[in-house]
């Protein structure tokens, strides 16, 4: 039998940083500028995202209170980046 003394959530915060390297700085700037408004409209109290542009890379940092919100945030940014890169190919 296992008895849990501390029933609080062990995981208090999850921080994830991922870097998306694009073909060139122009594409990186376009995608960064298209994603940046999403940060100001983010009203989720379970997850906070920051984003920086470094040359031809976009660095996205997500702090989440739980795995579900982390996964949702990552999926959203990956979808938006994929969509943006597809649009740039047109």
PDB file of N, CA and C in Angstrom:
ATOM      1  N   UNK A   1       0.845  -1.178   0.000  1.00  0.00           N
ATOM      2  CA  UNK A   1       0.000   0.000   0.000  1.00  0.00           C
ATOM      3  C   UNK A   1       0.886   1.235   0.000  1.00  0.00           C
ATOM      4  N   UNK A   2       0.533   2.198  -0.844  1.00  0.00           N
ATOM      5  CA  UNK A   2       1.262   3.456  -0.924  1.00  0.00           C
ATOM      6  C   UNK A   2       0.390   4.552  -0.332  1.00  0.00           C
ATOM      7  N   UNK A   3       0.961   5.267   0.598  1.00  0.00           N
ATOM      8  CA  UNK A   3       0.237   6.369   1.223  1.00  0.00           C
ATOM      9  C   UNK A   3       0.909   7.680   0.820  1.00  0.00           C
ATOM     10  N   UNK A   4       0.143   8.602   0.245  1.00  0.00           N
ATOM     11  CA  UNK A   4       0.676   9.888  -0.152  1.00  0.00           C
ATOM     12  C   UNK A   4       0.433  10.899   0.960  1.00  0.00           C
ATOM     13  N   UNK A   5       1.515  11.436   1.474  1.00  0.00           N
ATOM     14  CA  UNK A   5       1.404  12.439   2.521  1.00  0.00           C
ATOM     15  C   UNK A   5       1.140  13.824   1.944  1.00  0.00           C
ATOM     16  N   UNK A   6       1.756  14.123   0.808  1.00  0.00           N
ATOM     17  CA  UNK A   6       1.612  15.428   0.187  1.00  0.00           C
ATOM     18  C   UNK A   6       0.740  15.269  -1.055  1.00  0.00           C
ATOM     19  N   UNK A   7      -0.471  15.731  -0.970  1.00  0.00           N
ATOM     20  CA  UNK A   7      -1.399  15.593  -2.091  1.00  0.00           C
ATOM     21  C   UNK A   7      -1.330  16.777  -3.052  1.00  0.00           C
ATOM     22  N   UNK A   8      -0.451  17.742  -2.757  1.00  0.00           N
ATOM     23  CA  UNK A   8      -0.282  18.886  -3.663  1.00  0.00           C
ATOM     24  C   UNK A   8       0.310  18.408  -4.979  1.00  0.00           C
ATOM     25  N   UNK A   9       0.062  19.155  -5.998  1.00  0.00           N
ATOM     26  CA  UNK A   9       0.634  18.855  -7.307  1.00  0.00           C
ATOM     27  C   UNK A   9       2.155  18.991  -7.225  1.00  0.00           C
ATOM     28  N   UNK A  10       2.867  17.933  -7.539  1.00  0.00           N
ATOM     29  CA  UNK A  10       4.326  17.937  -7.486  1.00  0.00           C
ATOM     30  C   UNK A  10       4.891  18.890  -8.525  1.00  0.00           C
ATOM     31  N   UNK A  11       4.274  18.923  -9.665  1.00  0.00           N
ATOM     32  CA  UNK A  11       4.736  19.746 -10.768  1.00  0.00           C
ATOM     33  C   UNK A  11       4.103  21.126 -10.662  1.00  0.00           C
ATOM     34  N   UNK A  12       4.901  22.120 -10.283  1.00  0.00           N
ATOM     35  CA  UNK A  12       4.379  23.474 -10.091  1.00  0.00           C
ATOM     36  C   UNK A  12       4.463  24.323 -11.349  1.00  0.00           C
ATOM     37  N   UNK A  13       5.470  24.084 -12.176  1.00  0.00           N
ATOM     38  CA  UNK A  13       5.675  24.910 -13.352  1.00  0.00           C
ATOM     39  C   UNK A  13       6.514  24.143 -14.360  1.00  0.00           C
ATOM     40  N   UNK A  14       6.180  24.299 -15.621  1.00  0.00           N
ATOM     41  CA  UNK A  14       6.932  23.662 -16.691  1.00  0.00           C
ATOM     42  C   UNK A  14       7.417  24.764 -17.619  1.00  0.00           C
ATOM     43  N   UNK A  15       8.708  24.785 -17.871  1.00  0.00           N
ATOM     44  CA  UNK A  15       9.256  25.762 -18.813  1.00  0.00           C
ATOM     45  C   UNK A  15       9.827  25.019 -20.006  1.00  0.00           C
ATOM     46  N   UNK A  16       9.422  25.437 -21.185  1.00  0.00           N
ATOM     47  CA  UNK A  16       9.914  24.839 -22.417  1.00  0.00           C
ATOM     48  C   UNK A  16      10.400  25.941 -23.337  1.00  0.00           C
ATOM     49  N   UNK A  17      11.570  25.721 -23.899  1.00  0.00           N
ATOM     50  CA  UNK A  17      12.114  26.665 -24.866  1.00  0.00           C
ATOM     51  C   UNK A  17      12.390  25.893 -26.147  1.00  0.00           C
ATOM     52  N   UNK A  18      11.850  26.391 -27.256  1.00  0.00           N
ATOM     53  CA  UNK A  18      12.198  25.751 -28.514  1.00  0.00           C
ATOM     54  C   UNK A  18      12.536  26.807 -29.547  1.00  0.00           C
ATOM     55  N   UNK A  19      13.430  26.411 -30.444  1.00  0.00           N
ATOM     56  CA  UNK A  19      13.950  27.309 -31.459  1.00  0.00           C
ATOM     57  C   UNK A  19      13.545  26.803 -32.823  1.00  0.00           C
ATOM     58  N   UNK A  20      13.024  27.711 -33.630  1.00  0.00           N
ATOM     59  CA  UNK A  20      12.645  27.382 -35.000  1.00  0.00           C
ATOM     60  C   UNK A  20      13.580  28.147 -35.909  1.00  0.00           C
ATOM     61  N   UNK A  21      14.427  27.422 -36.621  1.00  0.00           N
ATOM     62  CA  UNK A  21      15.356  28.053 -37.546  1.00  0.00           C
ATOM     63  C   UNK A  21      14.755  28.020 -38.947  1.00  0.00           C
ATOM     64  N   UNK A  22      14.662  29.198 -39.555  1.00  0.00           N
ATOM     65  CA  UNK A  22      14.085  29.315 -40.885  1.00  0.00           C
ATOM     66  C   UNK A  22      15.186  29.446 -41.926  1.00  0.00           C
ATOM     67  N   UNK A  23      14.797  29.484 -43.174  1.00  0.00           N
ATOM     68  CA  UNK A  23      15.775  29.522 -44.266  1.00  0.00           C
ATOM     69  C   UNK A  23      16.583  30.810 -44.305  1.00  0.00           C
ATOM     70  N   UNK A  24      15.946  31.924 -43.936  1.00  0.00           N
ATOM     71  CA  UNK A  24      16.640  33.211 -43.987  1.00  0.00           C
ATOM     72  C   UNK A  24      16.026  34.177 -42.981  1.00  0.00           C
ATOM     73  N   UNK A  25      16.702  35.311 -42.769  1.00  0.00           N
ATOM     74  CA  UNK A  25      16.239  36.283 -41.778  1.00  0.00           C
ATOM     75  C   UNK A  25      14.936  36.963 -42.201  1.00  0.00           C
ATOM     76  N   UNK A  26      14.750  37.139 -43.492  1.00  0.00           N
ATOM     77  CA  UNK A  26      13.512  37.764 -43.973  1.00  0.00           C
ATOM     78  C   UNK A  26      12.294  36.926 -43.597  1.00  0.00           C
ATOM     79  N   UNK A  27      12.353  35.620 -43.868  1.00  0.00           N
ATOM     80  CA  UNK A  27      11.243  34.730 -43.502  1.00  0.00           C
ATOM     81  C   UNK A  27      11.030  34.715 -41.991  1.00  0.00           C
ATOM     82  N   UNK A  28      12.114  34.700 -41.240  1.00  0.00           N
ATOM     83  CA  UNK A  28      12.015  34.695 -39.780  1.00  0.00           C
ATOM     84  C   UNK A  28      11.315  35.958 -39.279  1.00  0.00           C
ATOM     85  N   UNK A  29      11.668  37.102 -39.855  1.00  0.00           N
ATOM     86  CA  UNK A  29      11.042  38.371 -39.461  1.00  0.00           C
ATOM     87  C   UNK A  29       9.554  38.391 -39.802  1.00  0.00           C
ATOM     88  N   UNK A  30       9.219  37.899 -40.985  1.00  0.00           N
ATOM     89  CA  UNK A  30       7.807  37.875 -41.398  1.00  0.00           C
ATOM     90  C   UNK A  30       6.994  36.995 -40.453  1.00  0.00           C
ATOM     91  N   UNK A  31       7.490  35.816 -40.168  1.00  0.00           N
ATOM     92  CA  UNK A  31       6.749  34.894 -39.301  1.00  0.00           C
ATOM     93  C   UNK A  31       6.697  35.418 -37.873  1.00  0.00           C
ATOM     94  N   UNK A  32       7.810  35.946 -37.398  1.00  0.00           N
ATOM     95  CA  UNK A  32       7.842  36.534 -36.048  1.00  0.00           C
ATOM     96  C   UNK A  32       6.790  37.639 -35.931  1.00  0.00           C
ATOM     97  N   UNK A  33       6.758  38.535 -36.906  1.00  0.00           N
ATOM     98  CA  UNK A  33       5.796  39.643 -36.877  1.00  0.00           C
ATOM     99  C   UNK A  33       4.352  39.169 -37.005  1.00  0.00           C
ATOM    100  N   UNK A  34       4.142  38.056 -37.685  1.00  0.00           N
ATOM    101  CA  UNK A  34       2.776  37.543 -37.808  1.00  0.00           C
ATOM    102  C   UNK A  34       2.325  36.823 -36.535  1.00  0.00           C
ATOM    103  N   UNK A  35       3.259  36.239 -35.791  1.00  0.00           N
ATOM    104  CA  UNK A  35       2.910  35.548 -34.549  1.00  0.00           C
ATOM    105  C   UNK A  35       2.853  36.483 -33.342  1.00  0.00           C
ATOM    106  N   UNK A  36       3.600  37.558 -33.395  1.00  0.00           N
ATOM    107  CA  UNK A  36       3.723  38.446 -32.246  1.00  0.00           C
ATOM    108  C   UNK A  36       2.385  38.956 -31.698  1.00  0.00           C
ATOM    109  N   UNK A  37       1.404  39.307 -32.541  1.00  0.00           N
ATOM    110  CA  UNK A  37       0.110  39.744 -31.986  1.00  0.00           C
ATOM    111  C   UNK A  37      -0.574  38.680 -31.125  1.00  0.00           C
ATOM    112  N   UNK A  38      -0.305  37.412 -31.392  1.00  0.00           N
ATOM    113  CA  UNK A  38      -0.910  36.345 -30.586  1.00  0.00           C
ATOM    114  C   UNK A  38      -0.512  36.465 -29.118  1.00  0.00           C
ATOM    115  N   UNK A  39       0.690  36.959 -28.869  1.00  0.00           N
ATOM    116  CA  UNK A  39       1.155  37.100 -27.493  1.00  0.00           C
ATOM    117  C   UNK A  39       0.325  38.119 -26.724  1.00  0.00           C
ATOM    118  N   UNK A  40      -0.069  39.189 -27.382  1.00  0.00           N
ATOM    119  CA  UNK A  40      -0.837  40.226 -26.695  1.00  0.00           C
ATOM    120  C   UNK A  40      -2.290  39.808 -26.468  1.00  0.00           C
ATOM    121  N   UNK A  41      -2.793  38.869 -27.258  1.00  0.00           N
ATOM    122  CA  UNK A  41      -4.166  38.408 -27.099  1.00  0.00           C
ATOM    123  C   UNK A  41      -4.265  37.162 -26.217  1.00  0.00           C
ATOM    124  N   UNK A  42      -3.146  36.668 -25.771  1.00  0.00           N
ATOM    125  CA  UNK A  42      -3.131  35.471 -24.933  1.00  0.00           C
ATOM    126  C   UNK A  42      -3.766  35.778 -23.584  1.00  0.00           C
ATOM    127  N   UNK A  43      -4.873  35.131 -23.283  1.00  0.00           N
ATOM    128  CA  UNK A  43      -5.597  35.389 -22.040  1.00  0.00           C
ATOM    129  C   UNK A  43      -5.646  34.151 -21.150  1.00  0.00           C
ATOM    130  N   UNK A  44      -4.708  33.279 -21.337  1.00  0.00           N
ATOM    131  CA  UNK A  44      -4.670  32.029 -20.606  1.00  0.00           C
ATOM    132  C   UNK A  44      -3.861  32.219 -19.328  1.00  0.00           C
ATOM    133  N   UNK A  45      -4.468  31.957 -18.177  1.00  0.00           N
ATOM    134  CA  UNK A  45      -3.738  32.099 -16.926  1.00  0.00           C
ATOM    135  C   UNK A  45      -2.925  30.849 -16.586  1.00  0.00           C
ATOM    136  N   UNK A  46      -3.036  29.817 -17.404  1.00  0.00           N
ATOM    137  CA  UNK A  46      -2.293  28.584 -17.156  1.00  0.00           C
ATOM    138  C   UNK A  46      -0.981  28.514 -17.924  1.00  0.00           C
ATOM    139  N   UNK A  47      -0.799  29.436 -18.878  1.00  0.00           N
ATOM    140  CA  UNK A  47       0.377  29.390 -19.726  1.00  0.00           C
ATOM    141  C   UNK A  47       0.756  30.802 -20.162  1.00  0.00           C
ATOM    142  N   UNK A  48       2.063  31.087 -20.129  1.00  0.00           N
ATOM    143  CA  UNK A  48       2.572  32.385 -20.580  1.00  0.00           C
ATOM    144  C   UNK A  48       3.675  32.121 -21.602  1.00  0.00           C
ATOM    145  N   UNK A  49       3.608  32.827 -22.724  1.00  0.00           N
ATOM    146  CA  UNK A  49       4.566  32.624 -23.805  1.00  0.00           C
ATOM    147  C   UNK A  49       5.317  33.916 -24.090  1.00  0.00           C
ATOM    148  N   UNK A  50       6.625  33.783 -24.294  1.00  0.00           N
ATOM    149  CA  UNK A  50       7.431  34.899 -24.778  1.00  0.00           C
ATOM    150  C   UNK A  50       8.141  34.430 -26.041  1.00  0.00           C
ATOM    151  N   UNK A  51       8.452  35.384 -26.898  1.00  0.00           N
ATOM    152  CA  UNK A  51       9.058  35.029 -28.171  1.00  0.00           C
ATOM    153  C   UNK A  51      10.112  36.082 -28.518  1.00  0.00           C
ATOM    154  N   UNK A  52      11.245  35.607 -29.028  1.00  0.00           N
ATOM    155  CA  UNK A  52      12.298  36.516 -29.469  1.00  0.00           C
ATOM    156  C   UNK A  52      12.766  36.102 -30.856  1.00  0.00           C
ATOM    157  N   UNK A  53      13.325  37.075 -31.551  1.00  0.00           N
ATOM    158  CA  UNK A  53      13.861  36.855 -32.887  1.00  0.00           C
ATOM    159  C   UNK A  53      15.368  37.016 -32.817  1.00  0.00           C
ATOM    160  N   UNK A  54      16.095  36.009 -33.249  1.00  0.00           N
ATOM    161  CA  UNK A  54      17.555  36.045 -33.265  1.00  0.00           C
ATOM    162  C   UNK A  54      18.044  35.585 -34.637  1.00  0.00           C
ATOM    163  N   UNK A  55      18.328  36.554 -35.494  1.00  0.00           N
ATOM    164  CA  UNK A  55      18.774  36.214 -36.841  1.00  0.00           C
ATOM    165  C   UNK A  55      17.680  35.527 -37.614  1.00  0.00           C
ATOM    166  N   UNK A  56      17.954  34.303 -38.059  1.00  0.00           N
ATOM    167  CA  UNK A  56      16.937  33.555 -38.796  1.00  0.00           C
ATOM    168  C   UNK A  56      16.215  32.536 -37.914  1.00  0.00           C
ATOM    169  N   UNK A  57      16.303  32.740 -36.589  1.00  0.00           N
ATOM    170  CA  UNK A  57      15.637  31.839 -35.650  1.00  0.00           C
ATOM    171  C   UNK A  57      14.614  32.579 -34.792  1.00  0.00           C
ATOM    172  N   UNK A  58      13.530  31.892 -34.512  1.00  0.00           N
ATOM    173  CA  UNK A  58      12.516  32.374 -33.579  1.00  0.00           C
ATOM    174  C   UNK A  58      12.610  31.485 -32.348  1.00  0.00           C
ATOM    175  N   UNK A  59      12.809  32.109 -31.194  1.00  0.00           N
ATOM    176  CA  UNK A  59      12.898  31.364 -29.936  1.00  0.00           C
ATOM    177  C   UNK A  59      11.596  31.591 -29.177  1.00  0.00           C
ATOM    178  N   UNK A  60      10.935  30.503 -28.853  1.00  0.00           N
ATOM    179  CA  UNK A  60       9.654  30.558 -28.153  1.00  0.00           C
ATOM    180  C   UNK A  60       9.834  29.909 -26.791  1.00  0.00           C
ATOM    181  N   UNK A  61       9.471  30.654 -25.753  1.00  0.00           N
ATOM    182  CA  UNK A  61       9.582  30.177 -24.372  1.00  0.00           C
ATOM    183  C   UNK A  61       8.178  30.122 -23.780  1.00  0.00           C
ATOM    184  N   UNK A  62       7.800  28.947 -23.304  1.00  0.00           N
ATOM    185  CA  UNK A  62       6.460  28.737 -22.743  1.00  0.00           C
ATOM    186  C   UNK A  62       6.598  28.288 -21.297  1.00  0.00           C
ATOM    187  N   UNK A  63       5.943  29.004 -20.396  1.00  0.00           N
ATOM    188  CA  UNK A  63       5.841  28.608 -18.994  1.00  0.00           C
ATOM    189  C   UNK A  63       4.402  28.193 -18.743  1.00  0.00           C
ATOM    190  N   UNK A  64       4.212  26.961 -18.300  1.00  0.00           N
ATOM    191  CA  UNK A  64       2.871  26.443 -18.081  1.00  0.00           C
ATOM    192  C   UNK A  64       2.728  25.885 -16.681  1.00  0.00           C
ATOM    193  N   UNK A  65       1.496  25.901 -16.213  1.00  0.00           N
ATOM    194  CA  UNK A  65       1.204  25.338 -14.895  1.00  0.00           C
ATOM    195  C   UNK A  65       0.907  23.846 -14.961  1.00  0.00           C
ATOM    196  N   UNK A  66       0.639  23.348 -16.170  1.00  0.00           N
ATOM    197  CA  UNK A  66       0.333  21.928 -16.310  1.00  0.00           C
ATOM    198  C   UNK A  66       0.681  21.458 -17.722  1.00  0.00           C
ATOM    199  N   UNK A  67       0.750  20.164 -17.875  1.00  0.00           N
ATOM    200  CA  UNK A  67       1.154  19.560 -19.145  1.00  0.00           C
ATOM    201  C   UNK A  67       0.121  19.801 -20.240  1.00  0.00           C
ATOM    202  N   UNK A  68      -1.135  19.805 -19.895  1.00  0.00           N
ATOM    203  CA  UNK A  68      -2.193  19.992 -20.898  1.00  0.00           C
ATOM    204  C   UNK A  68      -2.075  21.368 -21.546  1.00  0.00           C
ATOM    205  N   UNK A  69      -1.895  22.417 -20.746  1.00  0.00           N
ATOM    206  CA  UNK A  69      -1.773  23.759 -21.317  1.00  0.00           C
ATOM    207  C   UNK A  69      -0.461  23.914 -22.083  1.00  0.00           C
ATOM    208  N   UNK A  70       0.601  23.254 -21.626  1.00  0.00           N
ATOM    209  CA  UNK A  70       1.871  23.282 -22.348  1.00  0.00           C
ATOM    210  C   UNK A  70       1.707  22.669 -23.735  1.00  0.00           C
ATOM    211  N   UNK A  71       1.097  21.513 -23.793  1.00  0.00           N
ATOM    212  CA  UNK A  71       0.887  20.835 -25.079  1.00  0.00           C
ATOM    213  C   UNK A  71       0.028  21.674 -26.007  1.00  0.00           C
ATOM    214  N   UNK A  72      -1.018  22.276 -25.479  1.00  0.00           N
ATOM    215  CA  UNK A  72      -1.891  23.110 -26.306  1.00  0.00           C
ATOM    216  C   UNK A  72      -1.129  24.313 -26.864  1.00  0.00           C
ATOM    217  N   UNK A  73      -0.313  24.940 -26.041  1.00  0.00           N
ATOM    218  CA  UNK A  73       0.463  26.096 -26.496  1.00  0.00           C
ATOM    219  C   UNK A  73       1.473  25.705 -27.563  1.00  0.00           C
ATOM    220  N   UNK A  74       2.196  24.625 -27.322  1.00  0.00           N
ATOM    221  CA  UNK A  74       3.177  24.159 -28.308  1.00  0.00           C
ATOM    222  C   UNK A  74       2.487  23.835 -29.624  1.00  0.00           C
ATOM    223  N   UNK A  75       1.383  23.113 -29.563  1.00  0.00           N
ATOM    224  CA  UNK A  75       0.659  22.753 -30.785  1.00  0.00           C
ATOM    225  C   UNK A  75       0.195  23.991 -31.544  1.00  0.00           C
ATOM    226  N   UNK A  76      -0.278  24.990 -30.820  1.00  0.00           N
ATOM    227  CA  UNK A  76      -0.738  26.216 -31.484  1.00  0.00           C
ATOM    228  C   UNK A  76       0.405  26.897 -32.221  1.00  0.00           C
ATOM    229  N   UNK A  77       1.531  27.091 -31.552  1.00  0.00           N
ATOM    230  CA  UNK A  77       2.645  27.774 -32.195  1.00  0.00           C
ATOM    231  C   UNK A  77       3.224  26.966 -33.350  1.00  0.00           C
ATOM    232  N   UNK A  78       3.300  25.670 -33.220  1.00  0.00           N
ATOM    233  CA  UNK A  78       3.804  24.835 -34.318  1.00  0.00           C
ATOM    234  C   UNK A  78       2.858  24.922 -35.519  1.00  0.00           C
ATOM    235  N   UNK A  79       1.562  24.880 -35.288  1.00  0.00           N
ATOM    236  CA  UNK A  79       0.587  25.006 -36.387  1.00  0.00           C
ATOM    237  C   UNK A  79       0.709  26.352 -37.077  1.00  0.00           C
ATOM    238  N   UNK A  80       0.803  27.431 -36.288  1.00  0.00           N
ATOM    239  CA  UNK A  80       0.909  28.770 -36.875  1.00  0.00           C
ATOM    240  C   UNK A  80       2.197  28.925 -37.679  1.00  0.00           C
ATOM    241  N   UNK A  81       3.287  28.381 -37.172  1.00  0.00           N
ATOM    242  CA  UNK A  81       4.558  28.469 -37.900  1.00  0.00           C
ATOM    243  C   UNK A  81       4.487  27.655 -39.183  1.00  0.00           C
ATOM    244  N   UNK A  82       3.936  26.458 -39.110  1.00  0.00           N
ATOM    245  CA  UNK A  82       3.781  25.638 -40.319  1.00  0.00           C
ATOM    246  C   UNK A  82       2.913  26.338 -41.352  1.00  0.00           C
ATOM    247  N   UNK A  83       1.807  26.911 -40.920  1.00  0.00           N
ATOM    248  CA  UNK A  83       0.923  27.623 -41.833  1.00  0.00           C
ATOM    249  C   UNK A  83       1.645  28.813 -42.456  1.00  0.00           C
ATOM    250  N   UNK A  84       2.376  29.554 -41.644  1.00  0.00           N
ATOM    251  CA  UNK A  84       3.107  30.725 -42.148  1.00  0.00           C
ATOM    252  C   UNK A  84       4.157  30.336 -43.173  1.00  0.00           C
ATOM    253  N   UNK A  85       4.884  29.258 -42.925  1.00  0.00           N
ATOM    254  CA  UNK A  85       5.907  28.832 -43.886  1.00  0.00           C
ATOM    255  C   UNK A  85       5.264  28.360 -45.189  1.00  0.00           C
ATOM    256  N   UNK A  86       4.106  27.728 -45.106  1.00  0.00           N
ATOM    257  CA  UNK A  86       3.395  27.310 -46.315  1.00  0.00           C
ATOM    258  C   UNK A  86       2.917  28.516 -47.108  1.00  0.00           C
ATOM    259  N   UNK A  87       2.444  29.541 -46.423  1.00  0.00           N
ATOM    260  CA  UNK A  87       1.987  30.754 -47.100  1.00  0.00           C
ATOM    261  C   UNK A  87       3.164  31.442 -47.793  1.00  0.00           C
ATOM    262  N   UNK A  88       4.334  31.448 -47.150  1.00  0.00           N
ATOM    263  CA  UNK A  88       5.496  32.080 -47.753  1.00  0.00           C
ATOM    264  C   UNK A  88       5.940  31.384 -49.041  1.00  0.00           C
ATOM    265  N   UNK A  89       5.600  30.113 -49.188  1.00  0.00           N
ATOM    266  CA  UNK A  89       5.973  29.356 -50.387  1.00  0.00           C
ATOM    267  C   UNK A  89       5.113  29.716 -51.591  1.00  0.00           C
ATOM    268  N   UNK A  90       3.961  30.312 -51.325  1.00  0.00           N
ATOM    269  CA  UNK A  90       3.020  30.621 -52.421  1.00  0.00           C
ATOM    270  C   UNK A  90       3.564  31.749 -53.272  1.00  0.00           C
TER     271      UNK A  90
END
